[in-house]
Amino acid sequence: MHDIKNQLRLKIRQQRKKMTEKEKNEYDNRIYENILNYGILTKYELILVYFSTEIEVNTHKIINYCHENNIAVAIPKCEKNQNMKFYYYNKNSILEKSAYGIFEPVPEKNKSVENFNNTLCIVPGLSFDKQGYRLGYGGGFYDRFIDKNPDITTVGICYSENIADKLPIDFYDKNVDYLITDKTVEVCNGKKK
């Protein structure tokens, strides 16, 4: 299973690197518009969102929209033991580049989130399937976080060309509640409407 997932990760990373800047911007804008049109951001008091890298769906517009509309935002810090902690994020937040090349909050200089009531988590993924299961980057951080916080509503964002009919899954993999691509918005697991 591990080898199959790693082969898929490599294939999808290569696909994404082949996208032109124009194509990526166009797809990112469509995903952003689908998120806004679905109205999911305004239903929650707190949005947990990753700070996107070059090959990921761009989340910076989402973050800006939340700030402009007084919706609290928090971004993750990957810790030891495959735990992930979220810290509130604003224009004054202090970030540092992690070993994975991701900008993360500096724990001592940012306020951690302790209450996840009425929270939406935007989940990254290289690929998702139609049941909302994801192919992440191999760390298992989001699966563990979702498992520990089952009341948080989750939405995966991904390019439509990276959606699979069915991905290989392990017993600890968690599916998202919604999946938003440049083409569609889907309710995945039937648990939340």
Protein backbone atom coordinates (compact mmCIF):
# COMPACT_ATOMS: atom_id res chain seq x y z
CA MET A 1 0.00 0.00 0.00
CA HIS A 2 2.80 2.42 0.96
CA ASP A 3 4.57 1.89 -2.41
CA ILE A 4 1.35 2.33 -4.39
CA LYS A 5 0.62 5.64 -2.64
CA ASN A 6 4.18 6.88 -3.18
CA GLN A 7 3.97 6.10 -6.90
CA LEU A 8 0.69 8.03 -7.11
CA ARG A 9 2.23 10.96 -5.20
CA LEU A 10 5.13 11.11 -7.65
CA LYS A 11 2.82 10.94 -10.67
CA ILE A 12 0.54 13.73 -9.41
CA ARG A 13 3.43 15.97 -8.36
CA GLN A 14 4.81 15.64 -11.89
CA GLN A 15 1.38 16.48 -13.37
CA ARG A 16 1.11 19.58 -11.23
CA LYS A 17 4.62 20.77 -12.09
CA LYS A 18 3.68 20.61 -15.78
CA MET A 19 0.87 23.14 -15.32
CA THR A 20 1.69 26.55 -16.67
CA GLU A 21 1.41 29.52 -14.32
CA LYS A 22 -1.59 30.73 -16.34
CA GLU A 23 -3.37 27.36 -16.06
CA LYS A 24 -2.70 27.11 -12.34
CA ASN A 25 -3.97 30.65 -11.69
CA GLU A 26 -7.10 29.92 -13.72
CA TYR A 27 -7.82 26.67 -11.81
CA ASP A 28 -7.05 28.30 -8.45
CA ASN A 29 -9.45 31.16 -9.26
CA ARG A 30 -12.21 28.71 -10.23
CA ILE A 31 -11.78 26.78 -6.97
CA TYR A 32 -11.87 30.03 -5.02
CA GLU A 33 -15.04 31.13 -6.85
CA ASN A 34 -16.68 27.75 -6.18
CA ILE A 35 -15.86 28.09 -2.47
CA LEU A 36 -17.39 31.58 -2.38
CA ASN A 37 -20.44 30.61 -4.44
CA TYR A 38 -21.13 27.63 -2.18
CA GLY A 39 -21.07 29.99 0.80
CA ILE A 40 -19.25 27.57 3.07
CA LEU A 41 -16.78 30.06 4.56
CA THR A 42 -19.43 32.30 6.07
CA LYS A 43 -21.10 29.44 7.98
CA TYR A 44 -18.21 29.08 10.44
CA GLU A 45 -16.52 31.22 13.08
CA LEU A 46 -13.05 29.75 12.46
CA ILE A 47 -11.40 28.58 9.25
CA LEU A 48 -8.39 26.26 9.54
CA VAL A 49 -6.40 26.55 6.33
CA TYR A 50 -2.95 25.58 5.13
CA PHE A 51 -0.46 28.15 3.84
CA SER A 52 -0.14 26.93 0.25
CA THR A 53 3.09 26.06 -1.58
CA GLU A 54 3.72 26.36 -5.32
CA ILE A 55 2.20 22.99 -6.30
CA GLU A 56 -0.85 23.24 -4.04
CA VAL A 57 -4.19 24.90 -4.62
CA ASN A 58 -3.59 28.54 -3.67
CA THR A 59 -5.16 29.42 -0.31
CA HIS A 60 -4.03 33.04 -0.01
CA LYS A 61 -7.26 34.44 -1.49
CA ILE A 62 -9.26 32.36 1.00
CA ILE A 63 -7.19 33.74 3.87
CA ASN A 64 -7.62 37.32 2.60
CA TYR A 65 -11.38 36.85 2.16
CA CYS A 66 -11.69 35.62 5.76
CA HIS A 67 -9.70 38.57 7.10
CA GLU A 68 -11.77 41.04 5.07
CA ASN A 69 -14.98 39.48 6.44
CA ASN A 70 -13.87 39.21 10.08
CA ILE A 71 -13.72 35.41 10.03
CA ALA A 72 -10.94 34.02 12.25
CA VAL A 73 -8.20 32.08 10.46
CA ALA A 74 -5.68 29.59 11.84
CA ILE A 75 -2.83 27.81 10.08
CA PRO A 76 -1.11 24.56 11.07
CA LYS A 77 2.21 23.72 12.64
CA CYS A 78 3.37 20.13 12.18
CA GLU A 79 4.90 18.88 15.40
CA LYS A 80 6.73 15.78 16.53
CA ASN A 81 4.80 12.50 16.85
CA GLN A 82 2.84 13.46 13.71
CA ASN A 83 0.66 15.90 15.65
CA MET A 84 -0.58 19.11 14.15
CA LYS A 85 -1.49 22.24 16.10
CA PHE A 86 -3.26 25.32 14.73
CA TYR A 87 -2.39 28.93 15.50
CA TYR A 88 -4.43 32.05 14.77
CA TYR A 89 -3.12 33.88 11.73
CA ASN A 90 -3.22 37.56 10.77
CA LYS A 91 -0.93 40.02 9.01
CA ASN A 92 1.20 40.36 12.17
CA SER A 93 1.76 36.63 12.69
CA ILE A 94 5.35 35.41 12.85
CA LEU A 95 6.04 32.51 10.47
CA GLU A 96 9.08 30.38 9.69
CA LYS A 97 9.86 27.92 6.93
CA SER A 98 9.66 24.30 8.08
CA ALA A 99 11.82 21.35 7.04
CA TYR A 100 9.07 20.57 4.49
CA GLY A 101 9.46 24.03 2.93
CA ILE A 102 6.09 25.19 4.31
CA PHE A 103 5.55 28.46 6.15
CA GLU A 104 4.32 27.67 9.65
CA PRO A 105 3.57 29.73 12.76
CA VAL A 106 6.28 30.12 15.41
CA PRO A 107 4.58 28.62 18.50
CA GLU A 108 6.11 31.02 21.04
CA LYS A 109 5.00 34.07 19.04
CA ASN A 110 1.45 33.09 18.06
CA LYS A 111 -1.74 32.15 19.91
CA SER A 112 -2.79 28.51 19.60
CA VAL A 113 -6.39 27.46 18.94
CA GLU A 114 -7.89 25.64 21.91
CA ASN A 115 -11.57 25.66 20.94
CA PHE A 116 -12.75 24.14 17.66
CA ASN A 117 -16.48 24.86 17.99
CA ASN A 118 -18.09 25.93 14.70
CA THR A 119 -14.90 25.30 12.73
CA LEU A 120 -14.20 24.47 9.08
CA CYS A 121 -10.91 22.84 8.11
CA ILE A 122 -9.67 23.21 4.54
CA VAL A 123 -7.67 20.08 3.84
CA PRO A 124 -4.87 19.89 1.24
CA GLY A 125 -4.35 16.86 -0.94
CA LEU A 126 -2.51 15.78 -4.04
CA SER A 127 -5.60 13.79 -4.98
CA PHE A 128 -9.05 12.98 -3.61
CA ASP A 129 -11.53 10.34 -4.63
CA LYS A 130 -15.28 10.71 -4.98
CA GLN A 131 -15.85 9.43 -1.44
CA GLY A 132 -13.66 12.24 -0.07
CA TYR A 133 -10.62 10.13 0.77
CA ARG A 134 -7.35 11.87 0.06
CA LEU A 135 -3.85 11.19 -1.03
CA GLY A 136 -1.78 13.57 1.06
CA TYR A 137 1.94 14.04 1.29
CA GLY A 138 2.58 10.98 3.43
CA GLY A 139 2.83 12.43 6.93
CA GLY A 140 -0.65 11.52 8.15
CA PHE A 141 -0.99 14.83 10.00
CA TYR A 142 -4.47 15.71 8.75
CA ASP A 143 -5.86 12.19 9.22
CA ARG A 144 -4.77 12.22 12.85
CA PHE A 145 -6.09 15.72 13.41
CA ILE A 146 -9.49 14.91 11.87
CA ASP A 147 -9.68 11.70 13.89
CA LYS A 148 -9.09 13.64 17.14
CA ASN A 149 -11.59 16.39 16.17
CA PRO A 150 -14.57 14.64 14.53
CA ASP A 151 -16.93 17.62 15.00
CA ILE A 152 -14.89 19.85 12.69
CA THR A 153 -16.37 20.13 9.20
CA THR A 154 -13.77 19.31 6.54
CA VAL A 155 -13.49 20.39 2.93
CA GLY A 156 -10.87 19.14 0.51
CA ILE A 157 -9.75 21.41 -2.31
CA CYS A 158 -8.13 19.92 -5.38
CA TYR A 159 -7.78 20.25 -9.14
CA SER A 160 -10.44 18.26 -11.01
CA GLU A 161 -7.79 16.44 -13.07
CA ASN A 162 -6.41 14.96 -9.83
CA ILE A 163 -9.74 13.45 -8.72
CA ALA A 164 -9.78 9.64 -8.77
CA ASP A 165 -12.74 7.26 -8.80
CA LYS A 166 -11.22 5.39 -5.87
CA LEU A 167 -7.92 5.81 -4.04
CA PRO A 168 -6.11 3.11 -2.05
CA ILE A 169 -6.95 3.72 1.61
CA ASP A 170 -5.66 2.46 4.94
CA PHE A 171 -7.74 1.93 8.08
CA TYR A 172 -6.58 5.27 9.55
CA ASP A 173 -7.43 7.38 6.46
CA LYS A 174 -10.26 9.88 7.00
CA ASN A 175 -12.49 11.28 4.30
CA VAL A 176 -13.57 14.91 4.04
CA ASP A 177 -17.17 16.12 4.25
CA TYR A 178 -17.00 18.25 1.09
CA LEU A 179 -14.79 18.30 -1.98
CA ILE A 180 -14.40 21.47 -4.04
CA THR A 181 -12.58 21.48 -7.37
CA ASP A 182 -12.33 23.89 -10.28
CA LYS A 183 -15.44 22.18 -11.71
CA THR A 184 -17.65 20.89 -8.89
CA VAL A 185 -18.73 20.98 -5.26
CA GLU A 186 -19.50 17.57 -3.77
CA VAL A 187 -20.87 16.34 -0.45
CA CYS A 188 -18.68 13.28 0.13
CA ASN A 189 -19.43 11.22 3.19
CA GLY A 190 -23.09 11.90 3.86
CA LYS A 191 -22.41 12.87 7.46
CA LYS A 192 -22.92 16.61 7.05
CA LYS A 193 -25.26 18.63 4.87
